[in-house]
Amino acid sequence: MEMLSKAALFLIATAAFAQTASDIVAAEKNWASKVLARDVKSLGKIVADDLIYAHSTGIIDTKQTYLAKIGEGRQVYTKVEHQKIETRLHGSSAVTHCIMRMMGTNQAGPFDDKVMMMHVWVRKGTDWVLAAHQTTRIK
């Protein structure tokens, strides 16, 4: 009987992890769709108030400066493609590591970058919000 209880708990925990991991992947896809659509209002709801957004150029934005750049068209994405996503859960937070292709224009001009991206997501009530973003260009 005790073995059955441990097995049942393992299955429940595994199902909960799978659901949460899929929630994080869905949050990643949602972020990408909002960035592509330049939907600043929706982006404002899915990024943390104390967001740290570090671009592959070395520029670091806050929530306010990041949303302003997107809203004003100073940072425009024409492609945000996840090629690989790995998720690690840590209590009420999660880290994603992605290989991505990102295309668009910014203050330096057009870009077409393959990047490694790391996102830190935190649970806020029933939602996941993006607390940190870091990209590194790769070949």
C-alpha atoms as a PDB file:
ATOM      1  CA  MET A   1       0.000   0.000   0.000  1.00  0.00           C
ATOM      2  CA  GLU A   2       2.810   2.394   0.871  1.00  0.00           C
ATOM      3  CA  MET A   3       4.459   1.725  -2.539  1.00  0.00           C
ATOM      4  CA  LEU A   4       1.250   2.582  -4.298  1.00  0.00           C
ATOM      5  CA  SER A   5       1.072   5.880  -2.418  1.00  0.00           C
ATOM      6  CA  LYS A   6       4.652   6.767  -3.388  1.00  0.00           C
ATOM      7  CA  ALA A   7       3.964   5.806  -6.987  1.00  0.00           C
ATOM      8  CA  ALA A   8       0.780   7.868  -7.026  1.00  0.00           C
ATOM      9  CA  LEU A   9       2.618  10.870  -5.564  1.00  0.00           C
ATOM     10  CA  PHE A  10       5.358  10.494  -8.170  1.00  0.00           C
ATOM     11  CA  LEU A  11       2.786  10.450 -10.986  1.00  0.00           C
ATOM     12  CA  ILE A  12       1.025  13.501  -9.585  1.00  0.00           C
ATOM     13  CA  ALA A  13       4.318  15.385  -9.220  1.00  0.00           C
ATOM     14  CA  THR A  14       5.378  14.395 -12.742  1.00  0.00           C
ATOM     15  CA  ALA A  15       2.047  15.558 -14.179  1.00  0.00           C
ATOM     16  CA  ALA A  16       2.290  18.841 -12.267  1.00  0.00           C
ATOM     17  CA  PHE A  17       5.827  19.416 -13.582  1.00  0.00           C
ATOM     18  CA  ALA A  18       4.747  18.659 -17.148  1.00  0.00           C
ATOM     19  CA  GLN A  19       1.824  21.076 -16.856  1.00  0.00           C
ATOM     20  CA  THR A  20       4.008  23.820 -15.409  1.00  0.00           C
ATOM     21  CA  ALA A  21       6.760  23.265 -17.993  1.00  0.00           C
ATOM     22  CA  SER A  22       4.168  23.491 -20.764  1.00  0.00           C
ATOM     23  CA  ASP A  23       2.841  26.676 -19.140  1.00  0.00           C
ATOM     24  CA  ILE A  24       6.336  28.181 -19.363  1.00  0.00           C
ATOM     25  CA  VAL A  25       6.689  27.194 -23.027  1.00  0.00           C
ATOM     26  CA  ALA A  26       3.261  28.770 -23.638  1.00  0.00           C
ATOM     27  CA  ALA A  27       4.450  31.934 -21.837  1.00  0.00           C
ATOM     28  CA  GLU A  28       7.519  32.018 -24.119  1.00  0.00           C
ATOM     29  CA  LYS A  29       5.352  31.704 -27.225  1.00  0.00           C
ATOM     30  CA  ASN A  30       2.959  34.354 -25.878  1.00  0.00           C
ATOM     31  CA  TRP A  31       5.851  36.767 -25.247  1.00  0.00           C
ATOM     32  CA  ALA A  32       7.109  36.216 -28.814  1.00  0.00           C
ATOM     33  CA  SER A  33       3.676  36.810 -30.348  1.00  0.00           C
ATOM     34  CA  LYS A  34       3.176  40.037 -28.354  1.00  0.00           C
ATOM     35  CA  VAL A  35       6.640  41.310 -29.366  1.00  0.00           C
ATOM     36  CA  LEU A  36       5.944  40.593 -33.039  1.00  0.00           C
ATOM     37  CA  ALA A  37       2.556  42.308 -32.826  1.00  0.00           C
ATOM     38  CA  ARG A  38       4.092  45.287 -30.945  1.00  0.00           C
ATOM     39  CA  ASP A  39       1.274  44.781 -28.418  1.00  0.00           C
ATOM     40  CA  VAL A  40       2.698  46.987 -25.687  1.00  0.00           C
ATOM     41  CA  LYS A  41      -0.432  46.775 -23.522  1.00  0.00           C
ATOM     42  CA  SER A  42      -0.294  42.959 -23.375  1.00  0.00           C
ATOM     43  CA  LEU A  43       3.496  42.950 -22.997  1.00  0.00           C
ATOM     44  CA  GLY A  44       3.123  45.269 -20.032  1.00  0.00           C
ATOM     45  CA  LYS A  45       1.048  42.592 -18.312  1.00  0.00           C
ATOM     46  CA  ILE A  46       3.485  39.735 -18.907  1.00  0.00           C
ATOM     47  CA  VAL A  47       6.736  41.461 -17.931  1.00  0.00           C
ATOM     48  CA  ALA A  48       7.675  42.219 -14.329  1.00  0.00           C
ATOM     49  CA  ASP A  49       7.713  45.803 -13.097  1.00  0.00           C
ATOM     50  CA  ASP A  50      11.408  45.385 -12.204  1.00  0.00           C
ATOM     51  CA  LEU A  51      12.309  43.707 -15.525  1.00  0.00           C
ATOM     52  CA  ILE A  52      15.973  43.474 -16.523  1.00  0.00           C
ATOM     53  CA  TYR A  53      16.122  43.178 -20.325  1.00  0.00           C
ATOM     54  CA  ALA A  54      19.687  42.697 -21.559  1.00  0.00           C
ATOM     55  CA  HIS A  55      20.051  42.713 -25.356  1.00  0.00           C
ATOM     56  CA  SER A  56      22.855  40.924 -27.237  1.00  0.00           C
ATOM     57  CA  THR A  57      24.191  44.408 -28.068  1.00  0.00           C
ATOM     58  CA  GLY A  58      24.951  45.030 -24.388  1.00  0.00           C
ATOM     59  CA  ILE A  59      22.095  47.522 -24.001  1.00  0.00           C
ATOM     60  CA  ILE A  60      20.034  46.963 -20.860  1.00  0.00           C
ATOM     61  CA  ASP A  61      16.416  48.076 -20.675  1.00  0.00           C
ATOM     62  CA  THR A  62      13.920  48.415 -17.864  1.00  0.00           C
ATOM     63  CA  LYS A  63      10.255  47.618 -18.334  1.00  0.00           C
ATOM     64  CA  GLN A  64       9.576  51.248 -19.193  1.00  0.00           C
ATOM     65  CA  THR A  65      12.396  51.665 -21.726  1.00  0.00           C
ATOM     66  CA  TYR A  66      11.741  48.251 -23.316  1.00  0.00           C
ATOM     67  CA  LEU A  67       8.023  48.933 -23.797  1.00  0.00           C
ATOM     68  CA  ALA A  68       8.744  52.459 -25.075  1.00  0.00           C
ATOM     69  CA  LYS A  69      11.171  51.161 -27.714  1.00  0.00           C
ATOM     70  CA  ILE A  70       8.643  48.647 -28.955  1.00  0.00           C
ATOM     71  CA  GLY A  71       5.705  51.062 -28.818  1.00  0.00           C
ATOM     72  CA  GLU A  72       7.599  53.824 -30.622  1.00  0.00           C
ATOM     73  CA  GLY A  73       8.996  51.462 -33.277  1.00  0.00           C
ATOM     74  CA  ARG A  74      12.634  51.880 -32.220  1.00  0.00           C
ATOM     75  CA  GLN A  75      12.821  48.098 -31.624  1.00  0.00           C
ATOM     76  CA  VAL A  76      10.810  46.186 -34.223  1.00  0.00           C
ATOM     77  CA  TYR A  77      10.875  42.411 -34.521  1.00  0.00           C
ATOM     78  CA  THR A  78       9.832  40.775 -37.789  1.00  0.00           C
ATOM     79  CA  LYS A  79      10.765  37.253 -36.686  1.00  0.00           C
ATOM     80  CA  VAL A  80      11.081  35.685 -33.248  1.00  0.00           C
ATOM     81  CA  GLU A  81      11.523  31.957 -33.749  1.00  0.00           C
ATOM     82  CA  HIS A  82      12.196  29.480 -30.953  1.00  0.00           C
ATOM     83  CA  GLN A  83      14.330  26.692 -32.392  1.00  0.00           C
ATOM     84  CA  LYS A  84      14.896  24.905 -29.096  1.00  0.00           C
ATOM     85  CA  ILE A  85      13.526  25.521 -25.586  1.00  0.00           C
ATOM     86  CA  GLU A  86      14.713  23.969 -22.321  1.00  0.00           C
ATOM     87  CA  THR A  87      12.901  24.705 -19.067  1.00  0.00           C
ATOM     88  CA  ARG A  88      14.062  24.367 -15.472  1.00  0.00           C
ATOM     89  CA  LEU A  89      11.626  24.906 -12.635  1.00  0.00           C
ATOM     90  CA  HIS A  90      12.700  26.326  -9.276  1.00  0.00           C
ATOM     91  CA  GLY A  91       9.721  26.612  -6.946  1.00  0.00           C
ATOM     92  CA  SER A  92       7.722  29.650  -8.016  1.00  0.00           C
ATOM     93  CA  SER A  93      10.223  30.592 -10.708  1.00  0.00           C
ATOM     94  CA  ALA A  94      11.482  29.050 -13.929  1.00  0.00           C
ATOM     95  CA  VAL A  95      14.429  29.514 -16.239  1.00  0.00           C
ATOM     96  CA  THR A  96      14.234  28.940 -19.963  1.00  0.00           C
ATOM     97  CA  HIS A  97      17.222  28.559 -22.227  1.00  0.00           C
ATOM     98  CA  CYS A  98      16.426  28.906 -25.918  1.00  0.00           C
ATOM     99  CA  ILE A  99      18.178  28.887 -29.246  1.00  0.00           C
ATOM    100  CA  MET A 100      16.392  31.474 -31.361  1.00  0.00           C
ATOM    101  CA  ARG A 101      16.419  33.439 -34.556  1.00  0.00           C
ATOM    102  CA  MET A 102      15.451  37.077 -34.146  1.00  0.00           C
ATOM    103  CA  MET A 103      15.087  39.524 -37.017  1.00  0.00           C
ATOM    104  CA  GLY A 104      14.034  43.149 -37.170  1.00  0.00           C
ATOM    105  CA  THR A 105      15.387  46.659 -36.813  1.00  0.00           C
ATOM    106  CA  ASN A 106      16.705  48.690 -33.904  1.00  0.00           C
ATOM    107  CA  GLN A 107      18.621  51.938 -33.463  1.00  0.00           C
ATOM    108  CA  ALA A 108      21.684  50.352 -35.150  1.00  0.00           C
ATOM    109  CA  GLY A 109      19.665  49.234 -38.188  1.00  0.00           C
ATOM    110  CA  PRO A 110      18.453  45.870 -39.453  1.00  0.00           C
ATOM    111  CA  PHE A 111      19.465  42.705 -37.617  1.00  0.00           C
ATOM    112  CA  ASP A 112      19.210  38.973 -38.301  1.00  0.00           C
ATOM    113  CA  ASP A 113      20.627  37.204 -35.268  1.00  0.00           C
ATOM    114  CA  LYS A 114      20.863  33.647 -34.093  1.00  0.00           C
ATOM    115  CA  VAL A 115      20.993  33.898 -30.313  1.00  0.00           C
ATOM    116  CA  MET A 116      21.002  31.946 -27.104  1.00  0.00           C
ATOM    117  CA  MET A 117      18.334  33.451 -24.898  1.00  0.00           C
ATOM    118  CA  MET A 118      17.784  33.011 -21.209  1.00  0.00           C
ATOM    119  CA  HIS A 119      14.534  34.068 -19.562  1.00  0.00           C
ATOM    120  CA  VAL A 120      13.663  34.064 -15.891  1.00  0.00           C
ATOM    121  CA  TRP A 121       9.934  33.670 -15.243  1.00  0.00           C
ATOM    122  CA  VAL A 122       8.317  34.171 -11.836  1.00  0.00           C
ATOM    123  CA  ARG A 123       4.889  33.116 -10.663  1.00  0.00           C
ATOM    124  CA  LYS A 124       2.666  36.074  -9.823  1.00  0.00           C
ATOM    125  CA  GLY A 125      -0.678  34.772  -8.598  1.00  0.00           C
ATOM    126  CA  THR A 126      -1.797  32.355 -11.307  1.00  0.00           C
ATOM    127  CA  ASP A 127       0.301  33.970 -14.047  1.00  0.00           C
ATOM    128  CA  TRP A 128       3.935  33.761 -15.101  1.00  0.00           C
ATOM    129  CA  VAL A 129       5.744  37.065 -15.684  1.00  0.00           C
ATOM    130  CA  LEU A 130       9.080  37.674 -17.355  1.00  0.00           C
ATOM    131  CA  ALA A 131      11.568  39.042 -14.816  1.00  0.00           C
ATOM    132  CA  ALA A 132      14.801  38.854 -16.818  1.00  0.00           C
ATOM    133  CA  HIS A 133      15.948  38.470 -20.420  1.00  0.00           C
ATOM    134  CA  GLN A 134      19.495  37.935 -21.695  1.00  0.00           C
ATOM    135  CA  THR A 135      20.612  37.142 -25.246  1.00  0.00           C
ATOM    136  CA  THR A 136      24.004  36.253 -26.659  1.00  0.00           C
ATOM    137  CA  ARG A 137      24.698  36.107 -30.386  1.00  0.00           C
ATOM    138  CA  ILE A 138      25.945  32.768 -31.687  1.00  0.00           C
ATOM    139  CA  LYS A 139      27.149  31.623 -35.106  1.00  0.00           C
END
